[in-house]
């Protein structure tokens, strides 16, 4: 229609090469239940300003996962732009040139979302794009956080580490910044990998930023960079327990409530390892973990009761529950678990928000939606892992139940 203002074309490019050595398969490795690249795709897809999302990769497996989560992969990145020492500029130049040549597509803004910084505050993309449009002189907008270390208290060492040191930065009006209180030193900021919003003309002119760079201030709590598995574990802990209002690829995960009054456990694949031994007469045997039994008394003393809820009809469920000194409701129809749990909570007058449910298979999913906190064991079905608020590090029958009991007790103690 005449008079309508055309919405700017905001293109997100997510660089995700396949040759990571620090963490093999990093970009499609599950991070808090979703492939790592899915977190950046979600940040783009949930933005009001973004009009197109592309993953630039040299790896067809990454491309397939990217398409599954809603991104485009119109090309595979040339191998020469996907090496260990490859910089961002050539791959962004390639993407823009390819789109111009093959589709006559010319975006107004290019946003880079690096997969290695998956924990992002909501509206981060829209905020960066807005700042860029507000400042015609800006070549780009870059995410920054307050620096954890002040460079005014850093030093240069002479060659060979012999001789006197030299302070890294001088400060006008302060003779010895390395001895000065932090409060009188200039504030400094660290660039993160969360986001860059860039004018295409800057990229095609040979720079990923231009000379004029505006800041997007990001809360330092969101700062992670996944270079190794230790970074990965710390970041997943932050996602699970940091209480951050952040972007999620799926339903946002709920934190562990302080007052869990009832822990409901599936049997097969949670208390057991999901295997069964059958002898020639048809008798069945399962394997469980002794540590799960030892913690039950302490958990109940803290005010958290435990119930096993299982579709298994074998009397082994009742026998194991008796050994663990907990109640068992078994022989429940595969489709009836939620109804049985609803009745149990009604009879005991327990608000579902104070209930945790632990499962491993798709028949547990209706119960996940009912309770205040849902848990999947490490080897649960993929859709169960994605739906759960928390995923254990231990597998079913190998300490997963004990892990959750210890977590509930620690969370209560921290109140």
Protein backbone atom coordinates (compact mmCIF):
# COMPACT_ATOMS: atom_id res chain seq x y z
CA UNK A 1 0.00 0.00 0.00
CA UNK A 2 1.14 3.56 -0.75
CA UNK A 3 2.51 5.40 2.25
CA UNK A 4 3.51 2.26 4.14
CA UNK A 5 7.05 2.21 5.50
CA UNK A 6 8.94 -0.89 4.44
CA UNK A 7 10.23 -2.91 7.37
CA UNK A 8 14.04 -3.00 7.38
CA UNK A 9 15.64 -6.24 6.32
CA UNK A 10 17.48 -7.55 9.37
CA UNK A 11 19.53 -10.64 8.55
CA UNK A 12 20.93 -12.83 11.32
CA UNK A 13 23.98 -14.87 10.38
CA UNK A 14 25.03 -17.59 12.82
CA UNK A 15 28.56 -18.92 12.18
CA UNK A 16 28.80 -22.62 13.05
CA UNK A 17 31.69 -24.52 11.56
CA UNK A 18 32.06 -28.26 11.97
CA UNK A 19 35.70 -28.60 12.92
CA UNK A 20 35.75 -27.69 16.61
CA UNK A 21 38.66 -29.37 18.39
CA UNK A 22 38.22 -28.12 21.96
CA UNK A 23 34.73 -29.66 22.14
CA UNK A 24 34.19 -32.03 19.19
CA UNK A 25 30.79 -31.56 17.54
CA UNK A 26 30.28 -28.50 19.74
CA UNK A 27 27.69 -26.68 17.64
CA UNK A 28 25.21 -29.58 17.67
CA UNK A 29 26.14 -30.97 21.09
CA UNK A 30 23.22 -30.69 23.51
CA UNK A 31 23.51 -27.69 25.81
CA UNK A 32 20.83 -27.79 28.54
CA UNK A 33 18.72 -30.17 26.42
CA UNK A 34 19.01 -28.38 23.05
CA UNK A 35 21.70 -28.37 20.34
CA UNK A 36 24.02 -25.44 20.96
CA UNK A 37 23.23 -23.78 17.63
CA UNK A 38 19.50 -23.86 18.50
CA UNK A 39 20.03 -21.23 21.22
CA UNK A 40 21.25 -18.63 18.75
CA UNK A 41 18.51 -19.56 16.29
CA UNK A 42 15.93 -19.06 19.06
CA UNK A 43 17.33 -15.61 19.86
CA UNK A 44 16.88 -14.66 16.21
CA UNK A 45 13.45 -16.25 15.73
CA UNK A 46 12.05 -14.63 18.87
CA UNK A 47 13.12 -11.14 17.79
CA UNK A 48 10.48 -8.75 16.44
CA UNK A 49 12.96 -7.01 14.15
CA UNK A 50 14.65 -10.00 12.47
CA UNK A 51 13.37 -10.88 9.01
CA UNK A 52 15.71 -13.73 8.08
CA UNK A 53 17.94 -16.26 9.87
CA UNK A 54 20.84 -18.06 8.17
CA UNK A 55 23.38 -20.48 9.60
CA UNK A 56 26.73 -20.35 7.80
CA UNK A 57 28.34 -23.77 8.12
CA UNK A 58 30.61 -26.11 6.24
CA UNK A 59 29.01 -29.16 7.86
CA UNK A 60 25.84 -30.83 6.54
CA UNK A 61 24.98 -32.29 9.96
CA UNK A 62 24.99 -28.81 11.49
CA UNK A 63 22.96 -27.55 8.53
CA UNK A 64 20.32 -30.25 9.09
CA UNK A 65 19.99 -29.38 12.78
CA UNK A 66 19.82 -25.68 11.94
CA UNK A 67 16.94 -26.28 9.53
CA UNK A 68 15.14 -28.38 12.15
CA UNK A 69 15.13 -25.37 14.48
CA UNK A 70 13.94 -22.91 11.85
CA UNK A 71 17.05 -21.42 10.24
CA UNK A 72 17.94 -21.38 6.55
CA UNK A 73 21.08 -22.93 5.11
CA UNK A 74 21.02 -21.73 1.49
CA UNK A 75 24.70 -22.58 1.01
CA UNK A 76 27.53 -24.49 2.62
CA UNK A 77 30.43 -22.30 3.65
CA UNK A 78 33.60 -22.83 1.57
CA UNK A 79 36.20 -24.91 3.40
CA UNK A 80 38.80 -22.14 3.24
CA UNK A 81 36.56 -20.00 5.49
CA UNK A 82 36.08 -22.77 8.07
CA UNK A 83 39.59 -23.35 9.38
CA UNK A 84 40.82 -23.15 12.99
CA UNK A 85 42.30 -19.71 12.38
CA UNK A 86 39.56 -18.39 10.08
CA UNK A 87 38.28 -14.94 11.05
CA UNK A 88 34.67 -13.73 10.88
CA UNK A 89 35.10 -11.25 8.03
CA UNK A 90 35.61 -13.65 5.06
CA UNK A 91 32.61 -15.81 5.96
CA UNK A 92 30.35 -12.74 6.33
CA UNK A 93 31.63 -11.30 3.06
CA UNK A 94 30.94 -14.66 1.42
CA UNK A 95 27.38 -14.81 2.81
CA UNK A 96 26.48 -11.30 1.66
CA UNK A 97 28.05 -11.76 -1.76
CA UNK A 98 26.34 -15.14 -2.26
CA UNK A 99 22.93 -13.73 -1.30
CA UNK A 100 23.38 -10.73 -3.58
CA UNK A 101 24.49 -12.84 -6.53
CA UNK A 102 22.01 -15.73 -6.22
CA UNK A 103 18.95 -14.01 -4.72
CA UNK A 104 19.48 -10.27 -5.28
CA UNK A 105 19.06 -10.00 -1.52
CA UNK A 106 20.53 -6.96 0.23
CA UNK A 107 19.82 -6.63 3.98
CA UNK A 108 19.81 -3.34 5.85
CA UNK A 109 21.42 -4.82 8.97
CA UNK A 110 23.47 -7.94 9.61
CA UNK A 111 23.38 -9.44 13.11
CA UNK A 112 25.99 -11.94 14.24
CA UNK A 113 24.93 -14.40 16.96
CA UNK A 114 27.79 -16.68 18.00
CA UNK A 115 26.68 -20.11 19.25
CA UNK A 116 29.38 -20.08 21.95
CA UNK A 117 27.48 -17.40 23.92
CA UNK A 118 24.09 -19.14 24.21
CA UNK A 119 22.80 -17.47 27.40
CA UNK A 120 21.17 -14.25 26.23
CA UNK A 121 18.74 -11.81 27.86
CA UNK A 122 15.39 -11.33 26.20
CA UNK A 123 15.12 -8.51 23.61
CA UNK A 124 18.90 -8.47 23.08
CA UNK A 125 18.59 -8.57 19.27
CA UNK A 126 15.89 -5.91 19.08
CA UNK A 127 17.86 -3.66 21.44
CA UNK A 128 21.02 -3.92 19.33
CA UNK A 129 19.17 -3.20 16.08
CA UNK A 130 17.37 -0.25 17.67
CA UNK A 131 20.65 1.31 18.84
CA UNK A 132 22.15 0.92 15.36
CA UNK A 133 19.20 2.66 13.72
CA UNK A 134 19.21 5.43 16.34
CA UNK A 135 22.79 6.38 15.43
CA UNK A 136 23.40 7.01 11.72
CA UNK A 137 27.12 7.38 12.43
CA UNK A 138 27.35 3.87 13.88
CA UNK A 139 29.16 1.22 11.89
CA UNK A 140 28.07 -1.41 14.38
CA UNK A 141 26.73 -2.19 17.84
CA UNK A 142 28.58 -4.65 20.04
CA UNK A 143 27.53 -6.37 23.26
CA UNK A 144 29.70 -5.50 26.26
CA UNK A 145 29.76 -6.27 29.98
CA UNK A 146 31.66 -4.63 32.85
CA UNK A 147 35.17 -6.09 32.78
CA UNK A 148 35.94 -8.60 35.50
CA UNK A 149 39.57 -7.44 35.67
CA UNK A 150 40.74 -3.84 35.49
CA UNK A 151 43.51 -3.38 32.89
CA UNK A 152 44.83 -0.35 34.80
CA UNK A 153 46.17 -2.84 37.34
CA UNK A 154 47.82 -5.02 34.71
CA UNK A 155 51.51 -5.13 33.79
CA UNK A 156 53.84 -5.65 30.86
CA UNK A 157 56.89 -7.85 31.47
CA UNK A 158 60.18 -7.33 29.64
CA UNK A 159 61.47 -9.93 27.21
CA UNK A 160 62.59 -13.02 29.10
CA UNK A 161 60.62 -11.94 32.20
CA UNK A 162 63.77 -10.28 33.59
CA UNK A 163 63.99 -6.68 34.72
CA UNK A 164 61.42 -4.17 35.95
CA UNK A 165 57.74 -4.29 34.96
CA UNK A 166 55.83 -1.54 33.17
CA UNK A 167 52.17 -0.81 33.89
CA UNK A 168 49.90 -1.64 30.96
CA UNK A 169 47.87 1.60 30.89
CA UNK A 170 48.47 5.12 32.16
CA UNK A 171 45.62 7.26 33.50
CA UNK A 172 45.69 11.02 33.11
CA UNK A 173 45.83 12.67 36.51
CA UNK A 174 46.67 9.46 38.36
CA UNK A 175 50.39 8.88 38.88
CA UNK A 176 50.17 5.25 39.94
CA UNK A 177 46.90 3.71 38.68
CA UNK A 178 48.01 0.27 39.82
CA UNK A 179 47.99 1.57 43.42
CA UNK A 180 44.80 3.62 43.06
CA UNK A 181 41.35 2.63 44.39
CA UNK A 182 39.20 1.01 41.72
CA UNK A 183 36.54 3.69 42.22
CA UNK A 184 38.73 6.49 40.78
CA UNK A 185 39.89 4.53 37.74
CA UNK A 186 38.05 4.72 34.40
CA UNK A 187 35.30 2.16 33.92
CA UNK A 188 36.24 -0.52 31.42
CA UNK A 189 34.13 -3.05 29.52
CA UNK A 190 34.69 -6.43 27.93
CA UNK A 191 33.23 -7.35 24.55
CA UNK A 192 31.24 -10.58 24.61
CA UNK A 193 30.16 -13.01 21.91
CA UNK A 194 26.45 -12.42 22.52
CA UNK A 195 25.73 -10.11 19.60
CA UNK A 196 27.05 -7.75 16.94
CA UNK A 197 24.72 -5.66 14.78
CA UNK A 198 26.57 -4.38 11.72
CA UNK A 199 25.81 -2.35 8.63
CA UNK A 200 26.41 -4.49 5.50
CA UNK A 201 28.39 -1.65 3.91
CA UNK A 202 30.89 -1.94 6.77
CA UNK A 203 31.37 -5.67 6.15
CA UNK A 204 31.69 -5.25 2.40
CA UNK A 205 34.13 -2.43 3.09
CA UNK A 206 36.46 -4.83 4.86
CA UNK A 207 35.57 -4.60 8.57
CA UNK A 208 33.36 -6.43 11.07
CA UNK A 209 32.75 -3.28 13.10
CA UNK A 210 33.67 -0.03 11.36
CA UNK A 211 35.35 2.84 13.17
CA UNK A 212 32.30 3.92 15.19
CA UNK A 213 31.04 1.21 17.51
CA UNK A 214 28.17 1.74 19.96
CA UNK A 215 27.72 -0.41 23.07
CA UNK A 216 24.84 -2.65 24.06
CA UNK A 217 25.22 -3.08 27.81
CA UNK A 218 24.58 -6.66 28.96
CA UNK A 219 24.29 -7.84 32.55
CA UNK A 220 27.52 -9.65 33.43
CA UNK A 221 25.46 -12.56 34.79
CA UNK A 222 24.85 -13.65 31.20
CA UNK A 223 28.55 -13.88 30.36
CA UNK A 224 29.68 -17.32 29.22
CA UNK A 225 32.00 -18.44 26.45
CA UNK A 226 32.14 -22.15 25.71
CA UNK A 227 35.73 -23.02 24.92
CA UNK A 228 36.05 -26.28 26.88
CA UNK A 229 33.99 -28.81 28.83
CA UNK A 230 34.57 -27.02 32.15
CA UNK A 231 33.00 -23.89 30.63
CA UNK A 232 30.16 -26.07 29.41
CA UNK A 233 29.38 -27.53 32.85
CA UNK A 234 29.50 -24.13 34.56
CA UNK A 235 27.21 -22.63 31.93
CA UNK A 236 24.66 -25.45 32.23
CA UNK A 237 24.65 -24.93 36.01
CA UNK A 238 23.98 -21.23 35.42
CA UNK A 239 21.07 -22.08 33.12
CA UNK A 240 19.59 -24.48 35.67
CA UNK A 241 20.10 -22.48 38.85
CA UNK A 242 21.02 -18.91 37.90
CA UNK A 243 17.43 -17.63 37.84
CA UNK A 244 18.08 -15.71 34.61
CA UNK A 245 15.24 -14.25 32.54
CA UNK A 246 16.68 -15.51 29.29
CA UNK A 247 15.91 -16.74 25.79
CA UNK A 248 15.10 -20.45 25.46
CA UNK A 249 14.75 -22.61 22.33
CA UNK A 250 11.66 -24.20 23.91
CA UNK A 251 9.63 -23.71 27.08
CA UNK A 252 11.61 -21.81 29.69
CA UNK A 253 12.99 -24.10 32.40
CA UNK A 254 11.58 -23.58 35.87
CA UNK A 255 13.93 -23.34 38.86
CA UNK A 256 13.87 -25.92 41.63
CA UNK A 257 11.25 -24.80 44.19
CA UNK A 258 12.58 -24.42 47.73
CA UNK A 259 9.65 -26.29 49.22
CA UNK A 260 9.38 -29.68 47.49
CA UNK A 261 6.87 -31.65 49.56
CA UNK A 262 6.55 -34.66 47.27
CA UNK A 263 8.99 -36.37 44.93
CA UNK A 264 7.30 -38.71 42.45
CA UNK A 265 9.49 -41.31 40.75
CA UNK A 266 8.88 -43.41 37.68
CA UNK A 267 10.27 -46.93 38.12
CA UNK A 268 11.66 -48.42 34.90
CA UNK A 269 14.53 -46.31 33.62
CA UNK A 270 14.62 -44.08 36.71
CA UNK A 271 14.99 -46.32 39.75
CA UNK A 272 16.21 -49.09 37.45
CA UNK A 273 18.51 -48.86 34.42
CA UNK A 274 15.60 -49.92 32.17
CA UNK A 275 17.00 -53.38 31.57
CA UNK A 276 15.31 -56.60 32.66
CA UNK A 277 16.64 -60.14 33.13
CA UNK A 278 14.18 -62.96 32.38
CA UNK A 279 14.84 -66.59 33.35
CA UNK A 280 13.42 -69.71 31.71
CA UNK A 281 10.29 -69.62 33.90
CA UNK A 282 9.48 -66.01 33.00
CA UNK A 283 10.63 -64.48 36.27
CA UNK A 284 12.02 -60.99 35.86
CA UNK A 285 14.84 -59.22 37.68
CA UNK A 286 15.95 -55.59 37.49
CA UNK A 287 18.97 -53.59 38.67
CA UNK A 288 18.77 -50.59 41.01
CA UNK A 289 21.18 -48.41 42.98
CA UNK A 290 21.62 -48.88 46.75
CA UNK A 291 22.39 -45.18 47.18
CA UNK A 292 18.79 -44.36 46.25
CA UNK A 293 17.55 -46.19 49.34
CA UNK A 294 20.03 -44.73 51.80
CA UNK A 295 18.98 -41.12 51.18
CA UNK A 296 15.21 -41.65 51.53
CA UNK A 297 15.06 -41.38 55.32
CA UNK A 298 16.96 -38.09 55.29
CA UNK A 299 14.73 -36.72 52.52
CA UNK A 300 11.56 -37.59 54.43
CA UNK A 301 12.95 -36.05 57.61
CA UNK A 302 13.37 -32.80 55.68
CA UNK A 303 9.65 -32.77 54.87
CA UNK A 304 9.71 -34.31 51.38
CA UNK A 305 7.73 -37.50 50.90
CA UNK A 306 8.43 -39.95 48.06
CA UNK A 307 6.07 -42.01 45.90
CA UNK A 308 6.86 -44.43 43.08
CA UNK A 309 4.33 -44.16 40.24
CA UNK A 310 4.73 -46.90 37.64
CA UNK A 311 2.88 -48.60 34.83
CA UNK A 312 4.87 -51.77 35.61
CA UNK A 313 2.69 -54.60 36.97
CA UNK A 314 5.54 -56.81 38.14
CA UNK A 315 5.65 -57.20 41.95
CA UNK A 316 9.31 -56.16 41.84
CA UNK A 317 8.07 -52.54 42.04
CA UNK A 318 6.41 -53.12 45.41
CA UNK A 319 9.39 -55.08 46.67
CA UNK A 320 11.84 -52.34 45.74
CA UNK A 321 9.58 -49.67 47.25
CA UNK A 322 9.43 -51.66 50.49
CA UNK A 323 13.23 -51.81 50.54
CA UNK A 324 13.41 -48.05 49.96
CA UNK A 325 10.65 -47.50 52.58
CA UNK A 326 8.50 -45.46 50.21
CA UNK A 327 4.98 -45.84 48.85
CA UNK A 328 4.42 -47.44 45.43
CA UNK A 329 1.48 -47.06 43.09
CA UNK A 330 2.04 -49.46 40.21
CA UNK A 331 0.14 -51.24 37.48
CA UNK A 332 -1.04 -47.83 36.29
CA UNK A 333 -2.13 -47.74 32.64
CA UNK A 334 0.31 -46.00 30.32
CA UNK A 335 -2.25 -43.29 29.56
CA UNK A 336 -3.46 -42.90 33.16
CA UNK A 337 -0.39 -41.66 34.99
CA UNK A 338 -1.44 -38.01 35.06
CA UNK A 339 -4.96 -38.85 36.27
CA UNK A 340 -3.57 -41.03 39.05
CA UNK A 341 -1.12 -38.30 40.05
CA UNK A 342 -3.88 -35.67 40.05
CA UNK A 343 -5.97 -37.83 42.38
CA UNK A 344 -2.99 -38.45 44.65
CA UNK A 345 -2.29 -34.73 45.01
CA UNK A 346 -5.96 -34.02 45.64
CA UNK A 347 -6.17 -36.69 48.34
CA UNK A 348 -3.05 -35.40 50.06
CA UNK A 349 -4.03 -31.77 49.54
CA UNK A 350 -0.67 -30.92 47.97
CA UNK A 351 -0.35 -27.98 45.59
CA UNK A 352 1.32 -29.28 42.38
CA UNK A 353 3.81 -26.40 42.58
CA UNK A 354 5.41 -28.22 45.54
CA UNK A 355 5.81 -31.49 43.62
CA UNK A 356 8.78 -32.79 41.62
CA UNK A 357 8.35 -35.59 39.08
CA UNK A 358 11.20 -37.68 37.68
CA UNK A 359 10.79 -39.70 34.49
CA UNK A 360 12.47 -41.02 31.39
CA UNK A 361 9.90 -41.84 28.70
CA UNK A 362 7.11 -40.19 26.75
CA UNK A 363 4.34 -41.49 29.04
CA UNK A 364 5.85 -39.29 31.76
CA UNK A 365 5.35 -36.07 29.78
CA UNK A 366 1.73 -35.42 30.90
CA UNK A 367 2.96 -35.51 34.52
CA UNK A 368 5.72 -33.00 33.71
CA UNK A 369 3.08 -30.40 32.83
CA UNK A 370 1.20 -31.00 36.08
CA UNK A 371 3.95 -30.53 38.66
CA UNK A 372 6.14 -27.60 39.75
CA UNK A 373 9.45 -29.15 38.68
CA UNK A 374 10.16 -31.92 36.18
CA UNK A 375 13.32 -34.01 35.96
CA UNK A 376 14.63 -36.29 33.24
CA UNK A 377 17.42 -38.81 33.77
CA UNK A 378 20.49 -38.39 31.58
CA UNK A 379 19.54 -41.27 29.27
CA UNK A 380 15.86 -40.33 28.91
CA UNK A 381 14.17 -40.10 25.53
CA UNK A 382 15.14 -36.90 23.64
CA UNK A 383 11.67 -35.35 23.82
CA UNK A 384 11.61 -35.97 27.58
CA UNK A 385 15.01 -34.33 28.03
CA UNK A 386 13.85 -31.28 26.07
CA UNK A 387 10.64 -30.99 28.13
CA UNK A 388 12.28 -31.38 31.55
CA UNK A 389 13.21 -28.48 33.80
CA UNK A 390 16.35 -30.34 34.84
CA UNK A 391 18.39 -33.24 33.45
CA UNK A 392 20.54 -35.34 35.79
CA UNK A 393 24.17 -36.07 35.09
CA UNK A 394 23.61 -39.70 36.16
CA UNK A 395 21.62 -42.23 34.16
CA UNK A 396 18.60 -44.17 35.39
CA UNK A 397 19.46 -46.88 37.90
CA UNK A 398 22.97 -45.49 38.30
CA UNK A 399 22.51 -42.78 40.92
CA UNK A 400 20.11 -40.38 39.18
CA UNK A 401 17.57 -40.59 42.02
CA UNK A 402 20.25 -39.98 44.64
CA UNK A 403 21.47 -36.99 42.63
CA UNK A 404 18.04 -35.37 42.75
CA UNK A 405 17.51 -36.16 46.43
CA UNK A 406 20.84 -34.54 47.28
CA UNK A 407 19.90 -31.53 45.17
CA UNK A 408 16.54 -31.10 46.93
CA UNK A 409 18.20 -31.37 50.34
CA UNK A 410 20.91 -28.84 49.41
CA UNK A 411 18.31 -26.43 48.07
CA UNK A 412 16.32 -26.65 51.31
CA UNK A 413 19.44 -26.11 53.38
CA UNK A 414 20.25 -22.96 51.40
CA UNK A 415 16.98 -21.22 52.33
